[in-house]
């Protein structure tokens, strides 16, 4: 019933503009679609909506999106947009980097301490960074690692001592899984370079770390 009522309102708006052809010519149809698309794009990038295997629950062994992108239909007056495209571009950028360098960037999920918290935060970051096509490794030891990026997975009370130890002994950038607001300045002073949590924007964060890891843009 609510869907029908909202659709009727929309139909009345279009008719008030002189019908679909007039609304299309005036740009109001494209404007309305763009507004809706922007809201959905933000929701997918924030992972409030899921595209399974694309922005959440990735298959980390399938590095590159399969198949060819569909061609736009000729004569279509409206832009054709695929909501998965930004995430696929991130994966393709990682693959291009691996082809050029001979290896995929490796993310080490370094777990320690509270069993429940380290497990939950490691799983979260596995899904988060796995969407970029990185090689994902979970371990409780960092010495001798060849990881390009290290994410500390533990509980908030344990993070400061954990970060002080790891940051002093590794060359790779170190991140923290979570958002321990009362410790952020001290963790940054210890050498932590970022925080990954439920409020992190997937597209922006993955692109940022691709840039920092020296990946050449595919644009």
N, C-alpha and C. Protein backbone atom coordinates (compact mmCIF):
# COMPACT_ATOMS: atom_id res chain seq x y z
N UNK A 1 0.82 -1.20 0.00
CA UNK A 1 0.00 0.00 0.00
C UNK A 1 0.86 1.26 0.00
N UNK A 2 1.91 1.27 0.85
CA UNK A 2 2.77 2.45 0.91
C UNK A 2 3.54 2.62 -0.40
N UNK A 3 3.95 1.51 -1.02
CA UNK A 3 4.65 1.57 -2.30
C UNK A 3 3.73 2.17 -3.37
N UNK A 4 2.48 1.73 -3.39
CA UNK A 4 1.52 2.24 -4.37
C UNK A 4 1.27 3.73 -4.16
N UNK A 5 1.16 4.15 -2.92
CA UNK A 5 0.91 5.57 -2.64
C UNK A 5 2.08 6.45 -3.09
N UNK A 6 3.31 6.01 -2.81
CA UNK A 6 4.48 6.79 -3.22
C UNK A 6 4.61 6.81 -4.75
N UNK A 7 4.30 5.69 -5.38
CA UNK A 7 4.35 5.64 -6.84
C UNK A 7 3.31 6.58 -7.45
N UNK A 8 2.14 6.65 -6.83
CA UNK A 8 1.09 7.54 -7.33
C UNK A 8 1.53 9.01 -7.22
N UNK A 9 2.19 9.35 -6.12
CA UNK A 9 2.70 10.72 -5.96
C UNK A 9 3.70 11.05 -7.08
N UNK A 10 4.58 10.09 -7.35
CA UNK A 10 5.58 10.30 -8.38
C UNK A 10 4.94 10.45 -9.76
N UNK A 11 3.94 9.62 -10.02
CA UNK A 11 3.23 9.71 -11.29
C UNK A 11 2.57 11.08 -11.44
N UNK A 12 1.98 11.57 -10.37
CA UNK A 12 1.32 12.88 -10.41
C UNK A 12 2.33 13.99 -10.66
N UNK A 13 3.52 13.88 -10.06
CA UNK A 13 4.56 14.89 -10.28
C UNK A 13 4.99 14.92 -11.74
N UNK A 14 5.15 13.74 -12.33
CA UNK A 14 5.56 13.66 -13.73
C UNK A 14 4.47 14.22 -14.64
N UNK A 15 3.24 13.88 -14.35
CA UNK A 15 2.13 14.38 -15.16
C UNK A 15 2.01 15.90 -15.04
N UNK A 16 2.31 16.45 -13.85
CA UNK A 16 2.23 17.90 -13.66
C UNK A 16 3.28 18.63 -14.49
N UNK A 17 4.36 17.93 -14.83
CA UNK A 17 5.41 18.54 -15.66
C UNK A 17 5.10 18.42 -17.15
N UNK A 18 3.99 17.74 -17.47
CA UNK A 18 3.62 17.59 -18.87
C UNK A 18 3.81 16.19 -19.40
N UNK A 19 4.09 15.23 -18.51
CA UNK A 19 4.28 13.85 -18.93
C UNK A 19 5.75 13.45 -18.93
N UNK A 20 5.98 12.15 -19.17
CA UNK A 20 7.34 11.62 -19.07
C UNK A 20 8.31 12.28 -20.05
N UNK A 21 7.89 12.45 -21.30
CA UNK A 21 8.80 13.03 -22.30
C UNK A 21 9.25 14.43 -21.88
N UNK A 22 8.31 15.22 -21.35
CA UNK A 22 8.65 16.57 -20.92
C UNK A 22 9.57 16.54 -19.70
N UNK A 23 9.28 15.64 -18.76
CA UNK A 23 10.13 15.53 -17.56
C UNK A 23 11.53 15.06 -17.92
N UNK A 24 11.61 14.16 -18.90
CA UNK A 24 12.92 13.68 -19.35
C UNK A 24 13.70 14.81 -20.02
N UNK A 25 13.02 15.57 -20.85
CA UNK A 25 13.69 16.66 -21.56
C UNK A 25 14.14 17.76 -20.62
N UNK A 26 13.38 17.99 -19.55
CA UNK A 26 13.74 19.05 -18.60
C UNK A 26 14.89 18.66 -17.69
N UNK A 27 15.21 17.37 -17.64
CA UNK A 27 16.29 16.89 -16.77
C UNK A 27 15.83 16.47 -15.39
N UNK A 28 14.55 16.59 -15.08
CA UNK A 28 14.07 16.26 -13.73
C UNK A 28 14.14 14.76 -13.45
N UNK A 29 13.93 13.94 -14.49
CA UNK A 29 14.03 12.49 -14.30
C UNK A 29 15.47 12.10 -13.96
N UNK A 30 16.41 12.61 -14.72
CA UNK A 30 17.82 12.30 -14.47
C UNK A 30 18.26 12.81 -13.11
N UNK A 31 17.77 13.99 -12.72
CA UNK A 31 18.12 14.56 -11.41
C UNK A 31 17.60 13.67 -10.28
N UNK A 32 16.36 13.20 -10.41
CA UNK A 32 15.79 12.34 -9.37
C UNK A 32 16.54 11.02 -9.27
N UNK A 33 16.89 10.45 -10.43
CA UNK A 33 17.65 9.20 -10.42
C UNK A 33 19.03 9.39 -9.81
N UNK A 34 19.67 10.52 -10.13
CA UNK A 34 21.01 10.80 -9.60
C UNK A 34 20.98 10.94 -8.08
N UNK A 35 19.94 11.57 -7.56
CA UNK A 35 19.83 11.73 -6.10
C UNK A 35 19.67 10.38 -5.41
N UNK A 36 18.81 9.53 -5.99
CA UNK A 36 18.61 8.20 -5.42
C UNK A 36 19.89 7.37 -5.51
N UNK A 37 20.55 7.47 -6.65
CA UNK A 37 21.79 6.71 -6.87
C UNK A 37 22.87 7.14 -5.88
N UNK A 38 22.96 8.44 -5.59
CA UNK A 38 23.98 8.94 -4.66
C UNK A 38 23.75 8.38 -3.26
N UNK A 39 22.49 8.30 -2.85
CA UNK A 39 22.17 7.76 -1.53
C UNK A 39 22.53 6.28 -1.47
N UNK A 40 22.20 5.54 -2.53
CA UNK A 40 22.51 4.10 -2.55
C UNK A 40 24.01 3.86 -2.61
N UNK A 41 24.70 4.65 -3.42
CA UNK A 41 26.16 4.49 -3.53
C UNK A 41 26.82 4.69 -2.17
N UNK A 42 26.38 5.71 -1.44
CA UNK A 42 26.93 5.98 -0.11
C UNK A 42 26.63 4.82 0.84
N UNK A 43 25.43 4.27 0.74
CA UNK A 43 25.05 3.16 1.62
C UNK A 43 25.89 1.91 1.34
N UNK A 44 26.18 1.64 0.07
CA UNK A 44 27.01 0.48 -0.26
C UNK A 44 28.46 0.71 0.15
N UNK A 45 28.95 1.92 -0.03
CA UNK A 45 30.34 2.19 0.34
C UNK A 45 30.53 2.17 1.86
N UNK A 46 29.46 2.56 2.58
CA UNK A 46 29.50 2.49 4.04
C UNK A 46 29.15 1.10 4.55
N UNK A 47 28.78 0.20 3.62
CA UNK A 47 28.43 -1.19 3.92
C UNK A 47 27.16 -1.31 4.77
N UNK A 48 26.30 -0.30 4.68
CA UNK A 48 24.99 -0.43 5.30
C UNK A 48 24.08 -1.30 4.43
N UNK A 49 24.42 -1.39 3.14
CA UNK A 49 23.77 -2.33 2.23
C UNK A 49 24.86 -3.22 1.66
N UNK A 50 24.52 -4.49 1.45
CA UNK A 50 25.55 -5.45 1.03
C UNK A 50 25.35 -5.93 -0.39
N UNK A 51 26.46 -6.00 -1.11
CA UNK A 51 26.55 -6.73 -2.36
C UNK A 51 27.48 -7.91 -2.05
N UNK A 52 26.91 -9.06 -1.82
CA UNK A 52 27.69 -10.20 -1.35
C UNK A 52 28.79 -10.54 -2.35
N UNK A 53 30.01 -10.61 -1.85
CA UNK A 53 31.16 -10.89 -2.70
C UNK A 53 31.78 -9.66 -3.32
N UNK A 54 31.12 -8.52 -3.16
CA UNK A 54 31.61 -7.28 -3.77
C UNK A 54 32.05 -6.27 -2.72
N UNK A 55 31.13 -5.86 -1.84
CA UNK A 55 31.51 -4.94 -0.78
C UNK A 55 31.47 -5.62 0.60
N UNK A 56 31.20 -6.91 0.61
CA UNK A 56 31.24 -7.68 1.86
C UNK A 56 31.32 -9.17 1.50
N UNK A 57 31.86 -9.96 2.42
CA UNK A 57 32.01 -11.41 2.23
C UNK A 57 32.70 -11.74 0.89
N UNK A 58 33.88 -11.17 0.65
CA UNK A 58 34.55 -11.41 -0.63
C UNK A 58 35.13 -12.81 -0.71
N UNK A 59 35.25 -13.29 -1.93
CA UNK A 59 36.00 -14.50 -2.20
C UNK A 59 37.45 -14.06 -2.43
N UNK A 60 38.29 -14.23 -1.43
CA UNK A 60 39.65 -13.68 -1.51
C UNK A 60 40.55 -14.45 -2.48
N UNK A 61 40.07 -15.61 -2.95
CA UNK A 61 40.86 -16.34 -3.95
C UNK A 61 40.50 -15.89 -5.36
N UNK A 62 39.38 -15.24 -5.53
CA UNK A 62 38.98 -14.71 -6.83
C UNK A 62 39.41 -13.26 -6.93
N UNK A 63 40.60 -13.03 -7.42
CA UNK A 63 41.18 -11.70 -7.34
C UNK A 63 40.52 -10.67 -8.24
N UNK A 64 40.18 -11.10 -9.46
CA UNK A 64 39.65 -10.15 -10.44
C UNK A 64 38.20 -10.47 -10.75
N UNK A 65 37.32 -9.45 -10.83
CA UNK A 65 35.93 -9.70 -11.19
C UNK A 65 35.84 -10.44 -12.52
N UNK A 66 34.99 -11.45 -12.57
CA UNK A 66 34.88 -12.27 -13.76
C UNK A 66 33.96 -11.63 -14.79
N UNK A 67 34.23 -11.92 -16.06
CA UNK A 67 33.34 -11.48 -17.13
C UNK A 67 33.63 -10.07 -17.60
N UNK A 68 33.04 -9.73 -18.72
CA UNK A 68 33.18 -8.41 -19.30
C UNK A 68 32.06 -7.50 -18.81
N UNK A 69 32.38 -6.23 -18.68
CA UNK A 69 31.35 -5.28 -18.29
C UNK A 69 30.35 -5.13 -19.43
N UNK A 70 29.05 -5.05 -19.12
CA UNK A 70 28.06 -4.92 -20.18
C UNK A 70 28.19 -3.59 -20.91
N UNK A 71 27.90 -3.61 -22.20
CA UNK A 71 27.96 -2.39 -22.99
C UNK A 71 26.69 -1.57 -22.81
N UNK A 72 26.84 -0.26 -22.83
CA UNK A 72 25.68 0.62 -22.72
C UNK A 72 24.80 0.47 -23.95
N UNK A 73 23.50 0.55 -23.74
CA UNK A 73 22.57 0.44 -24.85
C UNK A 73 22.59 1.74 -25.66
N UNK A 74 22.72 1.63 -26.98
CA UNK A 74 22.75 2.85 -27.80
C UNK A 74 21.41 3.58 -27.76
N UNK A 75 21.49 4.90 -27.70
CA UNK A 75 20.28 5.71 -27.73
C UNK A 75 19.60 5.88 -26.39
N UNK A 76 20.16 5.31 -25.34
CA UNK A 76 19.55 5.47 -24.02
C UNK A 76 19.76 6.91 -23.53
N UNK A 77 18.69 7.66 -23.25
CA UNK A 77 18.86 9.06 -22.84
C UNK A 77 19.36 9.23 -21.42
N UNK A 78 19.39 8.15 -20.64
CA UNK A 78 19.84 8.22 -19.24
C UNK A 78 21.13 7.44 -19.07
N UNK A 79 22.02 7.91 -18.20
CA UNK A 79 23.28 7.18 -17.98
C UNK A 79 23.05 5.82 -17.35
N UNK A 80 23.80 4.84 -17.81
CA UNK A 80 23.70 3.50 -17.24
C UNK A 80 24.79 3.33 -16.19
N UNK A 81 24.38 2.97 -14.99
CA UNK A 81 25.31 2.90 -13.86
C UNK A 81 25.20 1.53 -13.21
N UNK A 82 26.35 0.92 -12.93
CA UNK A 82 26.41 -0.34 -12.20
C UNK A 82 26.95 -0.06 -10.81
N UNK A 83 26.18 -0.41 -9.79
CA UNK A 83 26.52 -0.05 -8.42
C UNK A 83 27.80 -0.75 -7.95
N UNK A 84 28.15 -1.87 -8.58
CA UNK A 84 29.35 -2.62 -8.17
C UNK A 84 30.63 -2.07 -8.80
N UNK A 85 30.49 -1.18 -9.77
CA UNK A 85 31.66 -0.76 -10.54
C UNK A 85 32.79 -0.15 -9.72
N UNK A 86 32.53 0.74 -8.74
CA UNK A 86 33.64 1.30 -7.96
C UNK A 86 34.46 0.24 -7.24
N UNK A 87 33.79 -0.80 -6.75
CA UNK A 87 34.50 -1.86 -6.03
C UNK A 87 35.28 -2.75 -7.00
N UNK A 88 34.72 -2.97 -8.19
CA UNK A 88 35.43 -3.76 -9.19
C UNK A 88 36.68 -3.03 -9.68
N UNK A 89 36.61 -1.71 -9.76
CA UNK A 89 37.78 -0.93 -10.17
C UNK A 89 38.90 -1.07 -9.15
N UNK A 90 38.54 -1.10 -7.87
CA UNK A 90 39.54 -1.27 -6.82
C UNK A 90 40.23 -2.63 -6.97
N UNK A 91 39.45 -3.67 -7.21
CA UNK A 91 40.04 -5.00 -7.38
C UNK A 91 40.92 -5.05 -8.62
N UNK A 92 40.47 -4.46 -9.70
CA UNK A 92 41.28 -4.49 -10.92
C UNK A 92 42.58 -3.71 -10.73
N UNK A 93 42.54 -2.67 -9.95
CA UNK A 93 43.76 -1.90 -9.67
C UNK A 93 44.76 -2.77 -8.92
N UNK A 94 44.27 -3.54 -7.94
CA UNK A 94 45.15 -4.44 -7.19
C UNK A 94 45.75 -5.50 -8.10
N UNK A 95 44.92 -6.05 -8.99
CA UNK A 95 45.40 -7.08 -9.91
C UNK A 95 46.46 -6.51 -10.86
N UNK A 96 46.22 -5.31 -11.37
CA UNK A 96 47.20 -4.68 -12.26
C UNK A 96 48.53 -4.46 -11.55
N UNK A 97 48.44 -4.08 -10.27
CA UNK A 97 49.66 -3.89 -9.46
C UNK A 97 50.41 -5.21 -9.30
N UNK A 98 49.65 -6.28 -9.04
CA UNK A 98 50.28 -7.59 -8.85
C UNK A 98 50.94 -8.07 -10.14
N UNK A 99 50.29 -7.81 -11.27
CA UNK A 99 50.88 -8.20 -12.55
C UNK A 99 52.16 -7.44 -12.83
N UNK A 100 52.22 -6.18 -12.37
CA UNK A 100 53.41 -5.36 -12.62
C UNK A 100 54.54 -5.68 -11.65
N UNK A 101 54.21 -6.09 -10.43
CA UNK A 101 55.24 -6.30 -9.40
C UNK A 101 55.52 -7.76 -9.11
N UNK A 102 54.63 -8.65 -9.51
CA UNK A 102 54.83 -10.07 -9.26
C UNK A 102 54.24 -10.57 -7.96
N UNK A 103 53.55 -9.72 -7.22
CA UNK A 103 52.92 -10.17 -5.98
C UNK A 103 51.75 -9.27 -5.60
N UNK A 104 50.78 -9.87 -4.91
CA UNK A 104 49.66 -9.10 -4.39
C UNK A 104 50.05 -8.49 -3.04
N UNK A 105 49.63 -7.27 -2.76
CA UNK A 105 49.89 -6.69 -1.44
C UNK A 105 49.31 -7.59 -0.36
N UNK A 106 50.06 -7.75 0.72
CA UNK A 106 49.65 -8.64 1.80
C UNK A 106 49.23 -7.84 3.03
N UNK A 107 48.07 -8.20 3.59
CA UNK A 107 47.58 -7.58 4.82
C UNK A 107 47.65 -8.62 5.93
N UNK A 108 48.39 -8.32 6.98
CA UNK A 108 48.49 -9.20 8.14
C UNK A 108 47.52 -8.74 9.21
N UNK A 109 46.58 -9.60 9.56
CA UNK A 109 45.66 -9.35 10.67
C UNK A 109 46.30 -9.94 11.92
N UNK A 110 46.88 -9.08 12.72
CA UNK A 110 47.68 -9.51 13.86
C UNK A 110 46.79 -9.57 15.10
N UNK A 111 46.56 -10.77 15.59
CA UNK A 111 45.59 -10.99 16.67
C UNK A 111 46.31 -11.22 18.00
N UNK A 112 45.71 -10.63 19.05
CA UNK A 112 46.28 -10.83 20.37
C UNK A 112 45.24 -10.50 21.44
N UNK A 113 45.30 -11.21 22.56
CA UNK A 113 44.51 -10.83 23.71
C UNK A 113 43.11 -11.42 23.74
N UNK A 114 42.16 -10.59 24.10
CA UNK A 114 40.77 -10.99 24.29
C UNK A 114 40.27 -11.84 23.10
N UNK A 115 39.88 -13.07 23.40
CA UNK A 115 39.53 -14.02 22.33
C UNK A 115 38.35 -13.53 21.50
N UNK A 116 37.32 -13.05 22.16
CA UNK A 116 36.12 -12.62 21.44
C UNK A 116 36.40 -11.41 20.57
N UNK A 117 37.10 -10.41 21.12
CA UNK A 117 37.34 -9.16 20.38
C UNK A 117 38.32 -9.37 19.24
N UNK A 118 39.37 -10.11 19.48
CA UNK A 118 40.35 -10.29 18.40
C UNK A 118 39.75 -11.08 17.24
N UNK A 119 38.87 -12.03 17.56
CA UNK A 119 38.22 -12.80 16.51
C UNK A 119 37.24 -11.97 15.70
N UNK A 120 36.41 -11.19 16.41
CA UNK A 120 35.41 -10.36 15.73
C UNK A 120 36.07 -9.30 14.86
N UNK A 121 37.10 -8.66 15.39
CA UNK A 121 37.76 -7.59 14.63
C UNK A 121 38.60 -8.13 13.48
N UNK A 122 39.17 -9.29 13.65
CA UNK A 122 39.89 -9.91 12.55
C UNK A 122 38.94 -10.28 11.42
N UNK A 123 37.79 -10.84 11.75
CA UNK A 123 36.81 -11.19 10.73
C UNK A 123 36.32 -9.95 9.99
N UNK A 124 36.08 -8.87 10.73
CA UNK A 124 35.62 -7.63 10.11
C UNK A 124 36.65 -7.12 9.10
N UNK A 125 37.91 -7.09 9.51
CA UNK A 125 38.96 -6.57 8.63
C UNK A 125 39.27 -7.52 7.48
N UNK A 126 39.07 -8.81 7.69
CA UNK A 126 39.25 -9.78 6.61
C UNK A 126 38.27 -9.47 5.49
N UNK A 127 37.02 -9.24 5.84
CA UNK A 127 36.01 -8.88 4.84
C UNK A 127 36.28 -7.51 4.23
N UNK A 128 36.74 -6.57 5.05
CA UNK A 128 36.96 -5.19 4.60
C UNK A 128 38.09 -5.14 3.56
N UNK A 129 39.27 -5.60 3.91
CA UNK A 129 40.42 -5.52 3.00
C UNK A 129 40.37 -6.59 1.91
N UNK A 130 39.66 -7.68 2.18
CA UNK A 130 39.52 -8.70 1.16
C UNK A 130 38.78 -8.20 -0.06
N UNK A 131 37.94 -7.18 0.12
CA UNK A 131 37.21 -6.60 -1.01
C UNK A 131 38.14 -5.93 -2.02
N UNK A 132 39.36 -5.62 -1.61
CA UNK A 132 40.32 -4.99 -2.53
C UNK A 132 41.15 -6.00 -3.28
N UNK A 133 40.99 -7.29 -2.97
CA UNK A 133 41.79 -8.31 -3.64
C UNK A 133 43.17 -8.50 -3.04
N UNK A 134 43.40 -7.96 -1.82
CA UNK A 134 44.68 -8.16 -1.16
C UNK A 134 44.81 -9.61 -0.69
N UNK A 135 46.05 -10.06 -0.51
CA UNK A 135 46.29 -11.34 0.16
C UNK A 135 46.08 -11.13 1.66
N UNK A 136 45.25 -11.96 2.26
CA UNK A 136 44.91 -11.80 3.68
C UNK A 136 45.55 -12.92 4.50
N UNK A 137 46.21 -12.52 5.59
CA UNK A 137 46.86 -13.49 6.48
C UNK A 137 46.48 -13.16 7.92
N UNK A 138 46.05 -14.17 8.66
CA UNK A 138 45.76 -14.02 10.08
C UNK A 138 46.84 -14.73 10.88
N UNK A 139 47.39 -14.04 11.88
CA UNK A 139 48.45 -14.65 12.69
C UNK A 139 48.54 -13.95 14.04
N UNK A 140 49.27 -14.54 14.95
CA UNK A 140 49.50 -13.94 16.26
C UNK A 140 50.96 -13.55 16.43
N UNK A 141 51.74 -13.65 15.35
CA UNK A 141 53.15 -13.29 15.40
C UNK A 141 53.48 -12.40 14.21
N UNK A 142 54.24 -11.34 14.45
CA UNK A 142 54.57 -10.40 13.38
C UNK A 142 56.03 -10.49 12.96
N UNK A 143 56.85 -11.08 13.78
CA UNK A 143 58.28 -11.10 13.47
C UNK A 143 58.54 -11.92 12.21
N UNK A 144 59.31 -11.35 11.29
CA UNK A 144 59.63 -12.02 10.05
C UNK A 144 58.58 -11.88 8.98
N UNK A 145 57.51 -11.13 9.25
CA UNK A 145 56.45 -11.00 8.25
C UNK A 145 56.90 -10.15 7.06
N UNK A 146 56.35 -10.47 5.90
CA UNK A 146 56.61 -9.64 4.72
C UNK A 146 55.35 -8.86 4.34
N UNK A 147 54.46 -8.64 5.32
CA UNK A 147 53.20 -7.94 5.07
C UNK A 147 53.45 -6.49 4.67
N UNK A 148 52.60 -6.00 3.78
CA UNK A 148 52.66 -4.60 3.36
C UNK A 148 51.86 -3.71 4.28
N UNK A 149 50.95 -4.31 5.02
CA UNK A 149 50.07 -3.56 5.92
C UNK A 149 49.73 -4.48 7.09
N UNK A 150 49.78 -3.95 8.30
CA UNK A 150 49.48 -4.74 9.50
C UNK A 150 48.30 -4.12 10.22
N UNK A 151 47.32 -4.93 10.56
CA UNK A 151 46.15 -4.46 11.29
C UNK A 151 46.11 -5.15 12.65
N UNK A 152 46.18 -4.37 13.70
CA UNK A 152 46.11 -4.93 15.05
C UNK A 152 44.67 -5.27 15.38
N UNK A 153 44.44 -6.50 15.84
CA UNK A 153 43.09 -6.96 16.19
C UNK A 153 43.10 -7.42 17.64
N UNK A 154 42.53 -6.60 18.51
CA UNK A 154 42.52 -6.91 19.92
C UNK A 154 41.39 -6.13 20.58
N UNK A 155 41.42 -6.01 21.90
CA UNK A 155 40.43 -5.22 22.62
C UNK A 155 40.99 -3.83 22.90
N UNK A 156 40.12 -2.86 23.10
CA UNK A 156 40.56 -1.47 23.31
C UNK A 156 41.58 -1.34 24.44
N UNK A 157 41.35 -1.94 25.63
CA UNK A 157 42.32 -1.77 26.71
C UNK A 157 43.72 -2.30 26.40
N UNK A 158 43.82 -3.24 25.46
CA UNK A 158 45.10 -3.86 25.15
C UNK A 158 45.85 -3.17 24.02
N UNK A 159 45.20 -2.23 23.34
CA UNK A 159 45.76 -1.69 22.11
C UNK A 159 47.04 -0.87 22.30
N UNK A 160 47.11 -0.04 23.31
CA UNK A 160 48.25 0.87 23.41
C UNK A 160 49.57 0.10 23.55
N UNK A 161 49.64 -0.82 24.49
CA UNK A 161 50.87 -1.59 24.67
C UNK A 161 51.16 -2.43 23.43
N UNK A 162 50.12 -2.97 22.82
CA UNK A 162 50.24 -3.77 21.60
C UNK A 162 50.85 -2.91 20.48
N UNK A 163 50.32 -1.72 20.29
CA UNK A 163 50.79 -0.83 19.23
C UNK A 163 52.22 -0.37 19.48
N UNK A 164 52.53 -0.04 20.72
CA UNK A 164 53.88 0.43 21.03
C UNK A 164 54.91 -0.64 20.71
N UNK A 165 54.58 -1.88 20.98
CA UNK A 165 55.50 -2.98 20.68
C UNK A 165 55.65 -3.19 19.18
N UNK A 166 54.52 -3.32 18.48
CA UNK A 166 54.57 -3.66 17.06
C UNK A 166 55.15 -2.54 16.22
N UNK A 167 54.70 -1.31 16.45
CA UNK A 167 55.17 -0.18 15.64
C UNK A 167 56.67 0.02 15.75
N UNK A 168 57.23 -0.33 16.90
CA UNK A 168 58.66 -0.14 17.11
C UNK A 168 59.49 -1.22 16.42
N UNK A 169 58.82 -2.29 15.96
CA UNK A 169 59.58 -3.42 15.43
C UNK A 169 59.25 -3.79 13.99
N UNK A 170 58.41 -3.01 13.32
CA UNK A 170 58.07 -3.32 11.93
C UNK A 170 58.22 -2.06 11.08
N UNK A 171 58.39 -2.27 9.79
CA UNK A 171 58.48 -1.16 8.85
C UNK A 171 57.16 -0.89 8.14
N UNK A 172 56.29 -1.89 8.08
CA UNK A 172 55.00 -1.73 7.40
C UNK A 172 54.09 -0.81 8.20
N UNK A 173 53.18 -0.09 7.52
CA UNK A 173 52.20 0.73 8.23
C UNK A 173 51.34 -0.14 9.14
N UNK A 174 50.99 0.41 10.29
CA UNK A 174 50.20 -0.32 11.27
C UNK A 174 48.86 0.40 11.47
N UNK A 175 47.77 -0.37 11.39
CA UNK A 175 46.43 0.14 11.64
C UNK A 175 45.84 -0.57 12.86
N UNK A 176 44.77 0.01 13.37
CA UNK A 176 44.06 -0.59 14.50
C UNK A 176 42.64 -0.90 14.07
N UNK A 177 42.17 -2.11 14.37
CA UNK A 177 40.79 -2.48 14.10
C UNK A 177 39.92 -2.01 15.25
N UNK A 178 39.08 -1.02 14.97
CA UNK A 178 38.24 -0.45 16.00
C UNK A 178 38.37 1.06 16.04
N UNK A 179 37.64 1.65 16.96
CA UNK A 179 37.62 3.10 17.08
C UNK A 179 37.73 3.51 18.55
N UNK A 180 38.88 3.23 19.18
CA UNK A 180 39.06 3.55 20.61
C UNK A 180 39.28 5.06 20.81
N UNK A 181 38.20 5.81 20.86
CA UNK A 181 38.26 7.27 20.81
C UNK A 181 39.14 7.88 21.88
N UNK A 182 39.14 7.30 23.08
CA UNK A 182 39.92 7.89 24.17
C UNK A 182 41.41 7.59 24.07
N UNK A 183 41.80 6.77 23.07
CA UNK A 183 43.22 6.41 22.93
C UNK A 183 43.82 6.83 21.60
N UNK A 184 43.03 7.43 20.74
CA UNK A 184 43.48 7.68 19.37
C UNK A 184 44.78 8.49 19.33
N UNK A 185 44.87 9.57 20.09
CA UNK A 185 46.08 10.40 20.06
C UNK A 185 47.30 9.62 20.54
N UNK A 186 47.14 8.84 21.59
CA UNK A 186 48.27 8.07 22.11
C UNK A 186 48.68 6.96 21.14
N UNK A 187 47.69 6.36 20.49
CA UNK A 187 48.01 5.33 19.51
C UNK A 187 48.71 5.92 18.29
N UNK A 188 48.27 7.10 17.86
CA UNK A 188 48.95 7.78 16.75
C UNK A 188 50.37 8.15 17.14
N UNK A 189 50.56 8.58 18.37
CA UNK A 189 51.90 8.91 18.85
C UNK A 189 52.80 7.67 18.86
N UNK A 190 52.19 6.50 19.07
CA UNK A 190 52.95 5.25 19.08
C UNK A 190 53.31 4.80 17.67
N UNK A 191 52.65 5.38 16.66
CA UNK A 191 52.97 5.03 15.28
C UNK A 191 51.82 4.48 14.46
N UNK A 192 50.64 4.35 15.06
CA UNK A 192 49.47 3.84 14.33
C UNK A 192 49.05 4.86 13.27
N UNK A 193 48.80 4.38 12.06
CA UNK A 193 48.52 5.27 10.93
C UNK A 193 47.06 5.29 10.50
N UNK A 194 46.20 4.55 11.18
CA UNK A 194 44.79 4.58 10.80
C UNK A 194 43.97 3.62 11.63
N UNK A 195 42.64 3.74 11.48
CA UNK A 195 41.70 2.95 12.25
C UNK A 195 40.61 2.42 11.31
N UNK A 196 40.28 1.15 11.44
CA UNK A 196 39.28 0.51 10.60
C UNK A 196 38.11 0.09 11.47
N UNK A 197 36.92 0.57 11.16
CA UNK A 197 35.75 0.27 11.99
C UNK A 197 34.48 0.40 11.16
N UNK A 198 33.34 0.26 11.82
CA UNK A 198 32.06 0.23 11.10
C UNK A 198 31.73 1.55 10.43
N UNK A 199 32.37 2.64 10.85
CA UNK A 199 32.11 3.93 10.22
C UNK A 199 33.09 4.25 9.09
N UNK A 200 34.02 3.35 8.81
CA UNK A 200 34.98 3.56 7.72
C UNK A 200 34.29 3.38 6.37
N UNK A 201 34.54 4.34 5.48
CA UNK A 201 34.00 4.23 4.13
C UNK A 201 34.87 3.28 3.32
N UNK A 202 34.27 2.23 2.79
CA UNK A 202 35.04 1.17 2.12
C UNK A 202 35.80 1.69 0.91
N UNK A 203 35.11 2.38 0.01
CA UNK A 203 35.74 2.86 -1.22
C UNK A 203 36.88 3.83 -0.92
N UNK A 204 36.62 4.81 -0.07
CA UNK A 204 37.63 5.82 0.25
C UNK A 204 38.82 5.19 0.95
N UNK A 205 38.57 4.31 1.92
CA UNK A 205 39.66 3.73 2.71
C UNK A 205 40.54 2.82 1.87
N UNK A 206 39.92 1.95 1.07
CA UNK A 206 40.71 1.05 0.23
C UNK A 206 41.51 1.82 -0.81
N UNK A 207 40.90 2.84 -1.41
CA UNK A 207 41.61 3.66 -2.39
C UNK A 207 42.78 4.39 -1.73
N UNK A 208 42.55 4.89 -0.54
CA UNK A 208 43.61 5.60 0.20
C UNK A 208 44.81 4.69 0.43
N UNK A 209 44.55 3.43 0.82
CA UNK A 209 45.67 2.54 1.09
C UNK A 209 46.29 1.99 -0.18
N UNK A 210 45.54 1.89 -1.24
CA UNK A 210 46.16 1.57 -2.52
C UNK A 210 47.13 2.68 -2.93
N UNK A 211 46.73 3.92 -2.72
CA UNK A 211 47.62 5.05 -3.01
C UNK A 211 48.88 4.99 -2.15
N UNK A 212 48.71 4.76 -0.85
CA UNK A 212 49.84 4.76 0.06
C UNK A 212 50.79 3.59 -0.18
N UNK A 213 50.25 2.51 -0.71
CA UNK A 213 51.09 1.35 -1.02
C UNK A 213 51.73 1.46 -2.40
N UNK A 214 51.52 2.59 -3.05
CA UNK A 214 52.21 2.86 -4.32
C UNK A 214 51.61 2.22 -5.53
N UNK A 215 50.31 1.91 -5.47
CA UNK A 215 49.68 1.32 -6.66
C UNK A 215 49.39 2.36 -7.71
N UNK A 216 49.76 2.05 -8.93
CA UNK A 216 49.52 2.96 -10.04
C UNK A 216 48.02 2.99 -10.33
N UNK A 217 47.50 4.17 -10.55
CA UNK A 217 46.07 4.32 -10.84
C UNK A 217 45.75 3.70 -12.19
N UNK A 218 44.55 3.10 -12.27
CA UNK A 218 44.09 2.51 -13.53
C UNK A 218 43.24 3.49 -14.30
N UNK A 219 43.04 4.71 -13.77
CA UNK A 219 42.20 5.68 -14.46
C UNK A 219 42.90 6.21 -15.70
